[in-house]
């Protein structure tokens, strides 16, 4: 998002809340996450990596992290969630009141895609349901949870769902059934679960709205036009091109004879030539060459996008006298 992994935004929010010991549950992408995050010192945290052999559910992640967590209170922050405003206030309130669990909720138009909470007349959590076909409310669980050590008993007491996963909603429901203190906070700020391309592009747009224009250290020739909030990072080159912000061009990227439109982030070491792109995310090392128009797209690492070769074609015609025929060339 705006040339920064969405995981980094979560780690920054955690650090801002005063949390310094962080365990990251890793699976197939462990090597990439380790390379990006390192020991956590760049964020002011100390990172421990906790391997999960299979994606067996969020409650399973708590289960395998118990040795790391010990008896401490903790925050569970889903790495693909984006929350404007951070979690410092939430953590402060939890530390003051210390309920057994605290969940974040937000109103959504389609609750069937989320874990959904049901509240009683006093606002207490009475039931949770994972991706219900007939939701009892429009309050979806945001991917941030705060727990005391009692959650460890809960995750050991539940069984896998029909999906074969240990659901965190089932563990929290166990706490509710045991008459434990489960509280909720309904947030009204911006939140997105970046689990699909549409949401990723929307978050990218939101972050780019805050971009401060800067071209220091970049080369922009006199034939190029830079309009609005555009950040061009050091070492990038822009020739005979038009860039309309908000947009970011990463370090050492080359933009030539091209148009880069609003809400586009181009990562470092990319190349866009003789092409147009708008409202898109282009990741490290990708190239787009000779493509008329790209929009609302996610272009992965080291991807090459070029025009398809024109296939030779012929038309076979049998026409009667005095015919008139129109053929697209």
C-alpha atoms as a PDB file:
ATOM      1  CA  UNK A   1       0.000   0.000   0.000  1.00  0.00           C
ATOM      2  CA  UNK A   2       1.707   3.206  -1.232  1.00  0.00           C
ATOM      3  CA  UNK A   3       4.946   1.233  -1.685  1.00  0.00           C
ATOM      4  CA  UNK A   4       4.881  -0.251   1.817  1.00  0.00           C
ATOM      5  CA  UNK A   5       3.700  -3.777   2.763  1.00  0.00           C
ATOM      6  CA  UNK A   6       0.369  -3.703   4.592  1.00  0.00           C
ATOM      7  CA  UNK A   7       2.004  -5.761   7.362  1.00  0.00           C
ATOM      8  CA  UNK A   8       4.264  -2.795   8.108  1.00  0.00           C
ATOM      9  CA  UNK A   9       1.284  -0.577   8.904  1.00  0.00           C
ATOM     10  CA  UNK A  10       0.158  -3.123  11.503  1.00  0.00           C
ATOM     11  CA  UNK A  11       3.622  -3.385  13.044  1.00  0.00           C
ATOM     12  CA  UNK A  12       3.842   0.404  13.244  1.00  0.00           C
ATOM     13  CA  UNK A  13       0.457   0.544  14.980  1.00  0.00           C
ATOM     14  CA  UNK A  14       1.593  -2.109  17.456  1.00  0.00           C
ATOM     15  CA  UNK A  15       4.812  -0.220  18.214  1.00  0.00           C
ATOM     16  CA  UNK A  16       2.910   3.065  18.631  1.00  0.00           C
ATOM     17  CA  UNK A  17       0.730   1.333  21.242  1.00  0.00           C
ATOM     18  CA  UNK A  18       3.870   0.664  23.311  1.00  0.00           C
ATOM     19  CA  UNK A  19       4.115  -3.054  22.547  1.00  0.00           C
ATOM     20  CA  UNK A  20       7.702  -4.179  21.983  1.00  0.00           C
ATOM     21  CA  UNK A  21       7.578  -8.010  21.980  1.00  0.00           C
ATOM     22  CA  UNK A  22       5.928  -9.289  18.816  1.00  0.00           C
ATOM     23  CA  UNK A  23       5.436 -12.847  17.588  1.00  0.00           C
ATOM     24  CA  UNK A  24       4.678 -13.240  13.882  1.00  0.00           C
ATOM     25  CA  UNK A  25       2.917 -16.428  12.815  1.00  0.00           C
ATOM     26  CA  UNK A  26       4.483 -17.519   9.515  1.00  0.00           C
ATOM     27  CA  UNK A  27       3.709 -20.193   6.962  1.00  0.00           C
ATOM     28  CA  UNK A  28       4.649 -20.653   3.302  1.00  0.00           C
ATOM     29  CA  UNK A  29       5.798 -17.034   2.980  1.00  0.00           C
ATOM     30  CA  UNK A  30       8.104 -17.167   6.017  1.00  0.00           C
ATOM     31  CA  UNK A  31      11.247 -16.419   4.017  1.00  0.00           C
ATOM     32  CA  UNK A  32       9.742 -13.294   2.409  1.00  0.00           C
ATOM     33  CA  UNK A  33       8.376 -12.016   5.725  1.00  0.00           C
ATOM     34  CA  UNK A  34      11.703 -12.566   7.489  1.00  0.00           C
ATOM     35  CA  UNK A  35      13.527 -10.726   4.701  1.00  0.00           C
ATOM     36  CA  UNK A  36      11.128  -7.778   4.910  1.00  0.00           C
ATOM     37  CA  UNK A  37      10.710  -7.459   8.692  1.00  0.00           C
ATOM     38  CA  UNK A  38      14.054  -8.738   9.976  1.00  0.00           C
ATOM     39  CA  UNK A  39      14.458  -8.574  13.744  1.00  0.00           C
ATOM     40  CA  UNK A  40      11.922  -5.767  14.029  1.00  0.00           C
ATOM     41  CA  UNK A  41      14.423  -3.116  15.120  1.00  0.00           C
ATOM     42  CA  UNK A  42      13.383  -0.766  12.315  1.00  0.00           C
ATOM     43  CA  UNK A  43       9.951  -0.609  13.982  1.00  0.00           C
ATOM     44  CA  UNK A  44      11.274  -0.439  17.539  1.00  0.00           C
ATOM     45  CA  UNK A  45      10.114  -3.965  18.357  1.00  0.00           C
ATOM     46  CA  UNK A  46      11.691  -7.366  19.011  1.00  0.00           C
ATOM     47  CA  UNK A  47      10.281  -9.984  16.621  1.00  0.00           C
ATOM     48  CA  UNK A  48      10.013 -13.741  17.195  1.00  0.00           C
ATOM     49  CA  UNK A  49       8.902 -15.927  14.266  1.00  0.00           C
ATOM     50  CA  UNK A  50       6.445 -18.720  15.080  1.00  0.00           C
ATOM     51  CA  UNK A  51       6.019 -21.295  12.270  1.00  0.00           C
ATOM     52  CA  UNK A  52       2.559 -22.687  11.540  1.00  0.00           C
ATOM     53  CA  UNK A  53       2.714 -25.855   9.446  1.00  0.00           C
ATOM     54  CA  UNK A  54      -0.735 -25.293   7.933  1.00  0.00           C
ATOM     55  CA  UNK A  55      -3.317 -22.472   8.054  1.00  0.00           C
ATOM     56  CA  UNK A  56      -5.443 -24.169  10.702  1.00  0.00           C
ATOM     57  CA  UNK A  57      -7.263 -21.117  12.010  1.00  0.00           C
ATOM     58  CA  UNK A  58      -6.714 -18.054  14.174  1.00  0.00           C
ATOM     59  CA  UNK A  59      -7.358 -19.951  17.397  1.00  0.00           C
ATOM     60  CA  UNK A  60      -4.707 -22.444  16.293  1.00  0.00           C
ATOM     61  CA  UNK A  61      -2.303 -19.501  15.909  1.00  0.00           C
ATOM     62  CA  UNK A  62      -2.956 -18.616  19.562  1.00  0.00           C
ATOM     63  CA  UNK A  63      -2.468 -22.256  20.513  1.00  0.00           C
ATOM     64  CA  UNK A  64       0.983 -22.556  18.931  1.00  0.00           C
ATOM     65  CA  UNK A  65       2.033 -19.140  20.270  1.00  0.00           C
ATOM     66  CA  UNK A  66       1.355 -20.020  23.913  1.00  0.00           C
ATOM     67  CA  UNK A  67       4.995 -20.650  24.780  1.00  0.00           C
ATOM     68  CA  UNK A  68       5.907 -17.239  23.397  1.00  0.00           C
ATOM     69  CA  UNK A  69       2.948 -15.505  25.092  1.00  0.00           C
ATOM     70  CA  UNK A  70       3.253 -17.136  28.507  1.00  0.00           C
ATOM     71  CA  UNK A  71       0.747 -15.632  30.959  1.00  0.00           C
ATOM     72  CA  UNK A  72       0.934 -12.137  29.476  1.00  0.00           C
ATOM     73  CA  UNK A  73      -1.993 -10.129  28.166  1.00  0.00           C
ATOM     74  CA  UNK A  74      -1.634  -9.671  24.426  1.00  0.00           C
ATOM     75  CA  UNK A  75      -2.973  -8.161  21.214  1.00  0.00           C
ATOM     76  CA  UNK A  76      -3.702 -10.386  18.211  1.00  0.00           C
ATOM     77  CA  UNK A  77      -3.459  -8.260  15.069  1.00  0.00           C
ATOM     78  CA  UNK A  78      -4.249  -9.818  11.687  1.00  0.00           C
ATOM     79  CA  UNK A  79      -1.495  -8.810   9.297  1.00  0.00           C
ATOM     80  CA  UNK A  80      -3.764  -8.047   6.343  1.00  0.00           C
ATOM     81  CA  UNK A  81      -5.912  -5.523   8.233  1.00  0.00           C
ATOM     82  CA  UNK A  82      -5.586  -1.784   7.821  1.00  0.00           C
ATOM     83  CA  UNK A  83      -6.935   0.541  10.515  1.00  0.00           C
ATOM     84  CA  UNK A  84      -6.643   4.315  10.396  1.00  0.00           C
ATOM     85  CA  UNK A  85      -5.815   5.806  13.783  1.00  0.00           C
ATOM     86  CA  UNK A  86      -3.942   2.855  15.272  1.00  0.00           C
ATOM     87  CA  UNK A  87      -4.757   0.892  18.426  1.00  0.00           C
ATOM     88  CA  UNK A  88      -3.001   2.857  21.180  1.00  0.00           C
ATOM     89  CA  UNK A  89      -6.254   4.042  22.762  1.00  0.00           C
ATOM     90  CA  UNK A  90      -7.734   0.569  22.636  1.00  0.00           C
ATOM     91  CA  UNK A  91      -4.675  -0.973  24.318  1.00  0.00           C
ATOM     92  CA  UNK A  92      -4.671   1.719  27.000  1.00  0.00           C
ATOM     93  CA  UNK A  93      -8.332   1.062  27.815  1.00  0.00           C
ATOM     94  CA  UNK A  94      -7.810  -2.687  27.926  1.00  0.00           C
ATOM     95  CA  UNK A  95      -4.861  -2.374  30.306  1.00  0.00           C
ATOM     96  CA  UNK A  96      -6.950  -0.184  32.603  1.00  0.00           C
ATOM     97  CA  UNK A  97     -10.056  -2.423  32.732  1.00  0.00           C
ATOM     98  CA  UNK A  98      -8.558  -5.860  31.925  1.00  0.00           C
ATOM     99  CA  UNK A  99     -11.624  -7.727  30.655  1.00  0.00           C
ATOM    100  CA  UNK A 100     -10.956 -11.334  29.613  1.00  0.00           C
ATOM    101  CA  UNK A 101     -11.326 -10.358  25.973  1.00  0.00           C
ATOM    102  CA  UNK A 102     -11.957  -7.223  23.952  1.00  0.00           C
ATOM    103  CA  UNK A 103     -13.020  -7.270  20.311  1.00  0.00           C
ATOM    104  CA  UNK A 104     -13.313  -4.536  17.698  1.00  0.00           C
ATOM    105  CA  UNK A 105     -16.466  -4.258  15.615  1.00  0.00           C
ATOM    106  CA  UNK A 106     -17.482  -2.184  12.627  1.00  0.00           C
ATOM    107  CA  UNK A 107     -20.705  -1.929  10.641  1.00  0.00           C
ATOM    108  CA  UNK A 108     -20.530  -3.463   7.172  1.00  0.00           C
ATOM    109  CA  UNK A 109     -23.042  -3.687   4.310  1.00  0.00           C
ATOM    110  CA  UNK A 110     -22.537  -7.448   3.807  1.00  0.00           C
ATOM    111  CA  UNK A 111     -21.875  -9.240   7.118  1.00  0.00           C
ATOM    112  CA  UNK A 112     -21.980 -12.705   5.513  1.00  0.00           C
ATOM    113  CA  UNK A 113     -18.286 -12.393   4.624  1.00  0.00           C
ATOM    114  CA  UNK A 114     -17.143 -11.808   8.218  1.00  0.00           C
ATOM    115  CA  UNK A 115     -17.356 -12.990  11.769  1.00  0.00           C
ATOM    116  CA  UNK A 116     -20.461 -11.265  13.147  1.00  0.00           C
ATOM    117  CA  UNK A 117     -21.267 -10.191  16.714  1.00  0.00           C
ATOM    118  CA  UNK A 118     -24.680 -10.060  18.349  1.00  0.00           C
ATOM    119  CA  UNK A 119     -25.094  -7.567  21.182  1.00  0.00           C
ATOM    120  CA  UNK A 120     -27.821  -7.354  23.826  1.00  0.00           C
ATOM    121  CA  UNK A 121     -29.735  -4.209  24.727  1.00  0.00           C
ATOM    122  CA  UNK A 122     -26.924  -3.053  27.006  1.00  0.00           C
ATOM    123  CA  UNK A 123     -24.279  -3.471  24.305  1.00  0.00           C
ATOM    124  CA  UNK A 124     -22.751  -6.655  25.762  1.00  0.00           C
ATOM    125  CA  UNK A 125     -21.530  -9.385  23.413  1.00  0.00           C
ATOM    126  CA  UNK A 126     -23.891 -12.361  23.637  1.00  0.00           C
ATOM    127  CA  UNK A 127     -22.967 -14.377  20.545  1.00  0.00           C
ATOM    128  CA  UNK A 128     -20.498 -14.601  17.675  1.00  0.00           C
ATOM    129  CA  UNK A 129     -20.914 -16.402  14.378  1.00  0.00           C
ATOM    130  CA  UNK A 130     -18.382 -16.955  11.603  1.00  0.00           C
ATOM    131  CA  UNK A 131     -19.607 -15.974   8.097  1.00  0.00           C
ATOM    132  CA  UNK A 132     -23.328 -16.540   8.852  1.00  0.00           C
ATOM    133  CA  UNK A 133     -25.800 -17.085   6.024  1.00  0.00           C
ATOM    134  CA  UNK A 134     -28.382 -15.074   7.966  1.00  0.00           C
ATOM    135  CA  UNK A 135     -26.517 -12.516  10.103  1.00  0.00           C
ATOM    136  CA  UNK A 136     -28.182 -11.308  13.299  1.00  0.00           C
ATOM    137  CA  UNK A 137     -26.460  -7.928  13.026  1.00  0.00           C
ATOM    138  CA  UNK A 138     -24.300  -5.864  10.704  1.00  0.00           C
ATOM    139  CA  UNK A 139     -21.438  -5.742  13.210  1.00  0.00           C
ATOM    140  CA  UNK A 140     -18.364  -7.453  11.752  1.00  0.00           C
ATOM    141  CA  UNK A 141     -15.266  -8.369  13.727  1.00  0.00           C
ATOM    142  CA  UNK A 142     -12.249  -6.251  12.861  1.00  0.00           C
ATOM    143  CA  UNK A 143      -8.989  -8.218  12.842  1.00  0.00           C
ATOM    144  CA  UNK A 144      -7.696  -6.924  16.183  1.00  0.00           C
ATOM    145  CA  UNK A 145      -8.336  -8.767  19.454  1.00  0.00           C
ATOM    146  CA  UNK A 146      -7.074  -8.247  23.012  1.00  0.00           C
ATOM    147  CA  UNK A 147      -6.888 -11.170  25.435  1.00  0.00           C
ATOM    148  CA  UNK A 148      -5.774 -12.174  28.879  1.00  0.00           C
ATOM    149  CA  UNK A 149      -4.304 -15.611  29.493  1.00  0.00           C
ATOM    150  CA  UNK A 150      -7.785 -17.143  29.858  1.00  0.00           C
ATOM    151  CA  UNK A 151      -7.966 -17.375  26.046  1.00  0.00           C
ATOM    152  CA  UNK A 152      -5.474 -20.263  26.180  1.00  0.00           C
ATOM    153  CA  UNK A 153      -8.033 -22.397  28.020  1.00  0.00           C
ATOM    154  CA  UNK A 154     -10.635 -21.411  25.440  1.00  0.00           C
ATOM    155  CA  UNK A 155      -8.578 -22.438  22.397  1.00  0.00           C
ATOM    156  CA  UNK A 156      -7.835 -25.803  24.027  1.00  0.00           C
ATOM    157  CA  UNK A 157     -11.536 -26.375  24.684  1.00  0.00           C
ATOM    158  CA  UNK A 158     -12.943 -25.943  21.180  1.00  0.00           C
ATOM    159  CA  UNK A 159     -13.022 -28.293  18.210  1.00  0.00           C
ATOM    160  CA  UNK A 160     -12.313 -27.574  14.530  1.00  0.00           C
ATOM    161  CA  UNK A 161     -15.139 -26.057  12.517  1.00  0.00           C
ATOM    162  CA  UNK A 162     -16.581 -27.504   9.317  1.00  0.00           C
ATOM    163  CA  UNK A 163     -13.672 -25.754   7.555  1.00  0.00           C
ATOM    164  CA  UNK A 164     -11.218 -27.842   9.574  1.00  0.00           C
ATOM    165  CA  UNK A 165      -9.977 -24.771  11.431  1.00  0.00           C
ATOM    166  CA  UNK A 166      -9.932 -23.682  15.044  1.00  0.00           C
ATOM    167  CA  UNK A 167     -11.999 -20.509  14.835  1.00  0.00           C
ATOM    168  CA  UNK A 168     -11.225 -17.575  17.106  1.00  0.00           C
ATOM    169  CA  UNK A 169     -14.938 -16.760  17.106  1.00  0.00           C
ATOM    170  CA  UNK A 170     -15.604 -20.180  18.691  1.00  0.00           C
ATOM    171  CA  UNK A 171     -12.963 -19.525  21.334  1.00  0.00           C
ATOM    172  CA  UNK A 172     -14.498 -16.150  22.195  1.00  0.00           C
ATOM    173  CA  UNK A 173     -17.951 -17.736  22.234  1.00  0.00           C
ATOM    174  CA  UNK A 174     -16.583 -20.270  24.736  1.00  0.00           C
ATOM    175  CA  UNK A 175     -15.571 -17.342  26.947  1.00  0.00           C
ATOM    176  CA  UNK A 176     -19.073 -15.894  26.637  1.00  0.00           C
ATOM    177  CA  UNK A 177     -20.663 -19.251  27.503  1.00  0.00           C
ATOM    178  CA  UNK A 178     -18.398 -19.461  30.547  1.00  0.00           C
ATOM    179  CA  UNK A 179     -19.712 -16.010  31.584  1.00  0.00           C
ATOM    180  CA  UNK A 180     -16.321 -14.421  31.169  1.00  0.00           C
ATOM    181  CA  UNK A 181     -15.987 -10.684  30.628  1.00  0.00           C
ATOM    182  CA  UNK A 182     -16.024 -10.146  26.861  1.00  0.00           C
ATOM    183  CA  UNK A 183     -16.323  -6.539  25.728  1.00  0.00           C
ATOM    184  CA  UNK A 184     -16.531  -4.826  22.381  1.00  0.00           C
ATOM    185  CA  UNK A 185     -15.651  -1.485  20.873  1.00  0.00           C
ATOM    186  CA  UNK A 186     -17.375  -0.338  17.694  1.00  0.00           C
ATOM    187  CA  UNK A 187     -15.020   1.720  15.565  1.00  0.00           C
ATOM    188  CA  UNK A 188     -16.250   4.380  13.172  1.00  0.00           C
ATOM    189  CA  UNK A 189     -12.962   5.141  11.470  1.00  0.00           C
ATOM    190  CA  UNK A 190     -11.560   3.626   8.315  1.00  0.00           C
ATOM    191  CA  UNK A 191     -10.916  -0.119   8.311  1.00  0.00           C
ATOM    192  CA  UNK A 192     -10.263  -2.611   5.550  1.00  0.00           C
ATOM    193  CA  UNK A 193      -9.434  -6.289   5.378  1.00  0.00           C
ATOM    194  CA  UNK A 194      -7.079  -6.319   2.380  1.00  0.00           C
ATOM    195  CA  UNK A 195      -7.943  -9.882   1.430  1.00  0.00           C
ATOM    196  CA  UNK A 196      -8.791  -9.095  -2.190  1.00  0.00           C
ATOM    197  CA  UNK A 197      -7.562  -6.819  -4.961  1.00  0.00           C
ATOM    198  CA  UNK A 198     -10.527  -4.426  -4.746  1.00  0.00           C
ATOM    199  CA  UNK A 199      -9.865  -3.726  -1.066  1.00  0.00           C
ATOM    200  CA  UNK A 200      -6.114  -3.430  -1.632  1.00  0.00           C
ATOM    201  CA  UNK A 201      -6.661  -0.786  -4.294  1.00  0.00           C
ATOM    202  CA  UNK A 202      -9.056   1.066  -1.999  1.00  0.00           C
ATOM    203  CA  UNK A 203      -6.539   1.116   0.860  1.00  0.00           C
ATOM    204  CA  UNK A 204      -3.810   2.181  -1.559  1.00  0.00           C
ATOM    205  CA  UNK A 205      -6.046   5.072  -2.636  1.00  0.00           C
ATOM    206  CA  UNK A 206      -6.659   6.078   0.980  1.00  0.00           C
ATOM    207  CA  UNK A 207      -2.960   6.084   1.876  1.00  0.00           C
ATOM    208  CA  UNK A 208      -1.993   7.970  -1.282  1.00  0.00           C
ATOM    209  CA  UNK A 209      -4.395  10.750  -0.252  1.00  0.00           C
ATOM    210  CA  UNK A 210      -1.832  11.622   2.446  1.00  0.00           C
ATOM    211  CA  UNK A 211       1.215  11.729   0.162  1.00  0.00           C
ATOM    212  CA  UNK A 212       3.420  14.816   0.385  1.00  0.00           C
ATOM    213  CA  UNK A 213       4.825  15.845  -3.014  1.00  0.00           C
ATOM    214  CA  UNK A 214       8.569  15.444  -3.395  1.00  0.00           C
ATOM    215  CA  UNK A 215      10.932  14.895  -6.321  1.00  0.00           C
ATOM    216  CA  UNK A 216      14.268  15.446  -4.565  1.00  0.00           C
ATOM    217  CA  UNK A 217      16.943  13.103  -5.862  1.00  0.00           C
ATOM    218  CA  UNK A 218      14.914  12.078  -8.910  1.00  0.00           C
ATOM    219  CA  UNK A 219      15.467  13.065 -12.540  1.00  0.00           C
ATOM    220  CA  UNK A 220      12.452  14.636 -14.262  1.00  0.00           C
ATOM    221  CA  UNK A 221      13.110  16.070 -17.717  1.00  0.00           C
ATOM    222  CA  UNK A 222      11.662  19.312 -19.102  1.00  0.00           C
ATOM    223  CA  UNK A 223       9.252  17.461 -21.386  1.00  0.00           C
ATOM    224  CA  UNK A 224       7.511  15.764 -18.457  1.00  0.00           C
ATOM    225  CA  UNK A 225       4.542  17.123 -16.509  1.00  0.00           C
ATOM    226  CA  UNK A 226       4.016  16.443 -12.798  1.00  0.00           C
ATOM    227  CA  UNK A 227       0.573  17.424 -11.479  1.00  0.00           C
ATOM    228  CA  UNK A 228      -0.707  17.307  -7.906  1.00  0.00           C
ATOM    229  CA  UNK A 229       0.643  15.272  -4.976  1.00  0.00           C
ATOM    230  CA  UNK A 230       3.327  13.124  -6.551  1.00  0.00           C
ATOM    231  CA  UNK A 231       6.302  11.627  -4.741  1.00  0.00           C
ATOM    232  CA  UNK A 232       9.154  10.519  -6.966  1.00  0.00           C
ATOM    233  CA  UNK A 233      11.823   8.753  -4.943  1.00  0.00           C
ATOM    234  CA  UNK A 234      15.599   9.223  -5.375  1.00  0.00           C
ATOM    235  CA  UNK A 235      17.148   7.578  -8.414  1.00  0.00           C
ATOM    236  CA  UNK A 236      13.898   7.405 -10.387  1.00  0.00           C
ATOM    237  CA  UNK A 237      13.853   8.812 -13.938  1.00  0.00           C
ATOM    238  CA  UNK A 238      10.857  10.399 -15.655  1.00  0.00           C
ATOM    239  CA  UNK A 239      11.164  11.356 -19.337  1.00  0.00           C
ATOM    240  CA  UNK A 240       8.524  12.632 -21.769  1.00  0.00           C
ATOM    241  CA  UNK A 241       5.787  11.531 -19.380  1.00  0.00           C
ATOM    242  CA  UNK A 242       2.795  12.861 -17.448  1.00  0.00           C
ATOM    243  CA  UNK A 243       2.168  11.906 -13.831  1.00  0.00           C
ATOM    244  CA  UNK A 244      -1.027  12.992 -12.070  1.00  0.00           C
ATOM    245  CA  UNK A 245      -1.223  12.565  -8.307  1.00  0.00           C
ATOM    246  CA  UNK A 246      -1.735  11.347  -5.800  1.00  0.00           C
ATOM    247  CA  UNK A 247       0.901   8.873  -6.909  1.00  0.00           C
ATOM    248  CA  UNK A 248       4.257   7.412  -5.886  1.00  0.00           C
ATOM    249  CA  UNK A 249       7.138   6.406  -8.141  1.00  0.00           C
ATOM    250  CA  UNK A 250       9.675   4.215  -6.372  1.00  0.00           C
ATOM    251  CA  UNK A 251      13.442   4.570  -6.302  1.00  0.00           C
ATOM    252  CA  UNK A 252      15.324   3.708  -9.511  1.00  0.00           C
ATOM    253  CA  UNK A 253      12.117   3.218 -11.478  1.00  0.00           C
ATOM    254  CA  UNK A 254      11.970   4.466 -15.073  1.00  0.00           C
ATOM    255  CA  UNK A 255       8.892   6.192 -16.509  1.00  0.00           C
ATOM    256  CA  UNK A 256       9.280   6.983 -20.204  1.00  0.00           C
ATOM    257  CA  UNK A 257       6.738   8.184 -22.803  1.00  0.00           C
ATOM    258  CA  UNK A 258       4.038   7.180 -20.344  1.00  0.00           C
ATOM    259  CA  UNK A 259       1.051   8.386 -18.367  1.00  0.00           C
ATOM    260  CA  UNK A 260       0.719   7.480 -14.676  1.00  0.00           C
ATOM    261  CA  UNK A 261      -2.674   8.488 -13.351  1.00  0.00           C
ATOM    262  CA  UNK A 262      -4.083   9.163  -9.882  1.00  0.00           C
ATOM    263  CA  UNK A 263      -4.015   6.580  -7.072  1.00  0.00           C
ATOM    264  CA  UNK A 264      -1.151   4.611  -8.570  1.00  0.00           C
ATOM    265  CA  UNK A 265       1.841   3.364  -6.622  1.00  0.00           C
ATOM    266  CA  UNK A 266       4.853   2.144  -8.582  1.00  0.00           C
ATOM    267  CA  UNK A 267       7.443   0.344  -6.442  1.00  0.00           C
ATOM    268  CA  UNK A 268      11.204   0.562  -6.815  1.00  0.00           C
ATOM    269  CA  UNK A 269      13.104  -0.768  -9.859  1.00  0.00           C
ATOM    270  CA  UNK A 270      10.058  -0.784 -12.125  1.00  0.00           C
ATOM    271  CA  UNK A 271       9.823   0.296 -15.754  1.00  0.00           C
ATOM    272  CA  UNK A 272       6.790   1.831 -17.482  1.00  0.00           C
ATOM    273  CA  UNK A 273       7.328   2.789 -21.102  1.00  0.00           C
ATOM    274  CA  UNK A 274       4.943   3.845 -23.867  1.00  0.00           C
ATOM    275  CA  UNK A 275       1.988   2.900 -21.637  1.00  0.00           C
ATOM    276  CA  UNK A 276      -0.844   4.323 -19.533  1.00  0.00           C
ATOM    277  CA  UNK A 277      -1.717   3.190 -16.009  1.00  0.00           C
ATOM    278  CA  UNK A 278      -4.144   4.481 -13.385  1.00  0.00           C
ATOM    279  CA  UNK A 279      -5.591   3.415 -10.000  1.00  0.00           C
ATOM    280  CA  UNK A 280      -3.189   0.498  -9.730  1.00  0.00           C
ATOM    281  CA  UNK A 281      -0.418  -1.055  -7.658  1.00  0.00           C
ATOM    282  CA  UNK A 282       2.833  -2.046  -9.371  1.00  0.00           C
ATOM    283  CA  UNK A 283       5.227  -4.097  -7.263  1.00  0.00           C
ATOM    284  CA  UNK A 284       9.021  -4.294  -7.287  1.00  0.00           C
ATOM    285  CA  UNK A 285      10.803  -4.997 -10.556  1.00  0.00           C
ATOM    286  CA  UNK A 286       7.710  -5.087 -12.764  1.00  0.00           C
ATOM    287  CA  UNK A 287       7.681  -3.670 -16.282  1.00  0.00           C
ATOM    288  CA  UNK A 288       4.860  -2.422 -18.518  1.00  0.00           C
ATOM    289  CA  UNK A 289       5.906  -1.708 -22.073  1.00  0.00           C
ATOM    290  CA  UNK A 290       3.753  -0.659 -25.018  1.00  0.00           C
ATOM    291  CA  UNK A 291       0.408  -1.276 -23.331  1.00  0.00           C
ATOM    292  CA  UNK A 292      -2.306   1.192 -24.239  1.00  0.00           C
ATOM    293  CA  UNK A 293      -4.176   1.296 -20.918  1.00  0.00           C
ATOM    294  CA  UNK A 294      -3.997  -0.476 -17.538  1.00  0.00           C
ATOM    295  CA  UNK A 295      -6.337   0.423 -14.674  1.00  0.00           C
ATOM    296  CA  UNK A 296      -7.637  -0.987 -11.372  1.00  0.00           C
ATOM    297  CA  UNK A 297      -4.871  -3.602 -11.481  1.00  0.00           C
ATOM    298  CA  UNK A 298      -2.346  -5.276  -9.207  1.00  0.00           C
ATOM    299  CA  UNK A 299       0.935  -6.041 -10.982  1.00  0.00           C
ATOM    300  CA  UNK A 300       3.156  -8.435  -9.026  1.00  0.00           C
ATOM    301  CA  UNK A 301       6.918  -8.596  -8.467  1.00  0.00           C
ATOM    302  CA  UNK A 302       9.055  -8.962 -11.612  1.00  0.00           C
ATOM    303  CA  UNK A 303       5.993  -9.139 -13.880  1.00  0.00           C
ATOM    304  CA  UNK A 304       6.370  -8.232 -17.549  1.00  0.00           C
ATOM    305  CA  UNK A 305       3.357  -6.765 -19.347  1.00  0.00           C
ATOM    306  CA  UNK A 306       3.667  -6.295 -23.118  1.00  0.00           C
ATOM    307  CA  UNK A 307       1.251  -6.210 -26.073  1.00  0.00           C
ATOM    308  CA  UNK A 308       0.226  -9.498 -27.590  1.00  0.00           C
ATOM    309  CA  UNK A 309       1.658 -10.085 -31.061  1.00  0.00           C
ATOM    310  CA  UNK A 310      -0.837  -9.409 -33.813  1.00  0.00           C
ATOM    311  CA  UNK A 311      -1.891 -12.669 -35.401  1.00  0.00           C
ATOM    312  CA  UNK A 312      -1.979 -12.631 -39.192  1.00  0.00           C
ATOM    313  CA  UNK A 313      -5.542 -12.865 -40.376  1.00  0.00           C
ATOM    314  CA  UNK A 314      -7.376 -13.224 -43.643  1.00  0.00           C
ATOM    315  CA  UNK A 315     -10.997 -13.068 -44.689  1.00  0.00           C
ATOM    316  CA  UNK A 316     -12.479 -15.651 -47.029  1.00  0.00           C
ATOM    317  CA  UNK A 317     -15.456 -14.192 -48.844  1.00  0.00           C
ATOM    318  CA  UNK A 318     -18.056 -15.507 -51.235  1.00  0.00           C
ATOM    319  CA  UNK A 319     -20.104 -12.461 -52.226  1.00  0.00           C
ATOM    320  CA  UNK A 320     -23.000 -12.148 -54.569  1.00  0.00           C
ATOM    321  CA  UNK A 321     -23.297  -9.434 -57.196  1.00  0.00           C
ATOM    322  CA  UNK A 322     -23.735  -5.846 -55.948  1.00  0.00           C
ATOM    323  CA  UNK A 323     -22.861  -6.776 -52.323  1.00  0.00           C
ATOM    324  CA  UNK A 324     -21.605  -4.228 -49.782  1.00  0.00           C
ATOM    325  CA  UNK A 325     -19.345  -5.501 -47.004  1.00  0.00           C
ATOM    326  CA  UNK A 326     -17.723  -3.728 -44.052  1.00  0.00           C
ATOM    327  CA  UNK A 327     -14.718  -5.441 -42.461  1.00  0.00           C
ATOM    328  CA  UNK A 328     -12.921  -4.313 -39.313  1.00  0.00           C
ATOM    329  CA  UNK A 329      -9.216  -4.041 -39.945  1.00  0.00           C
END
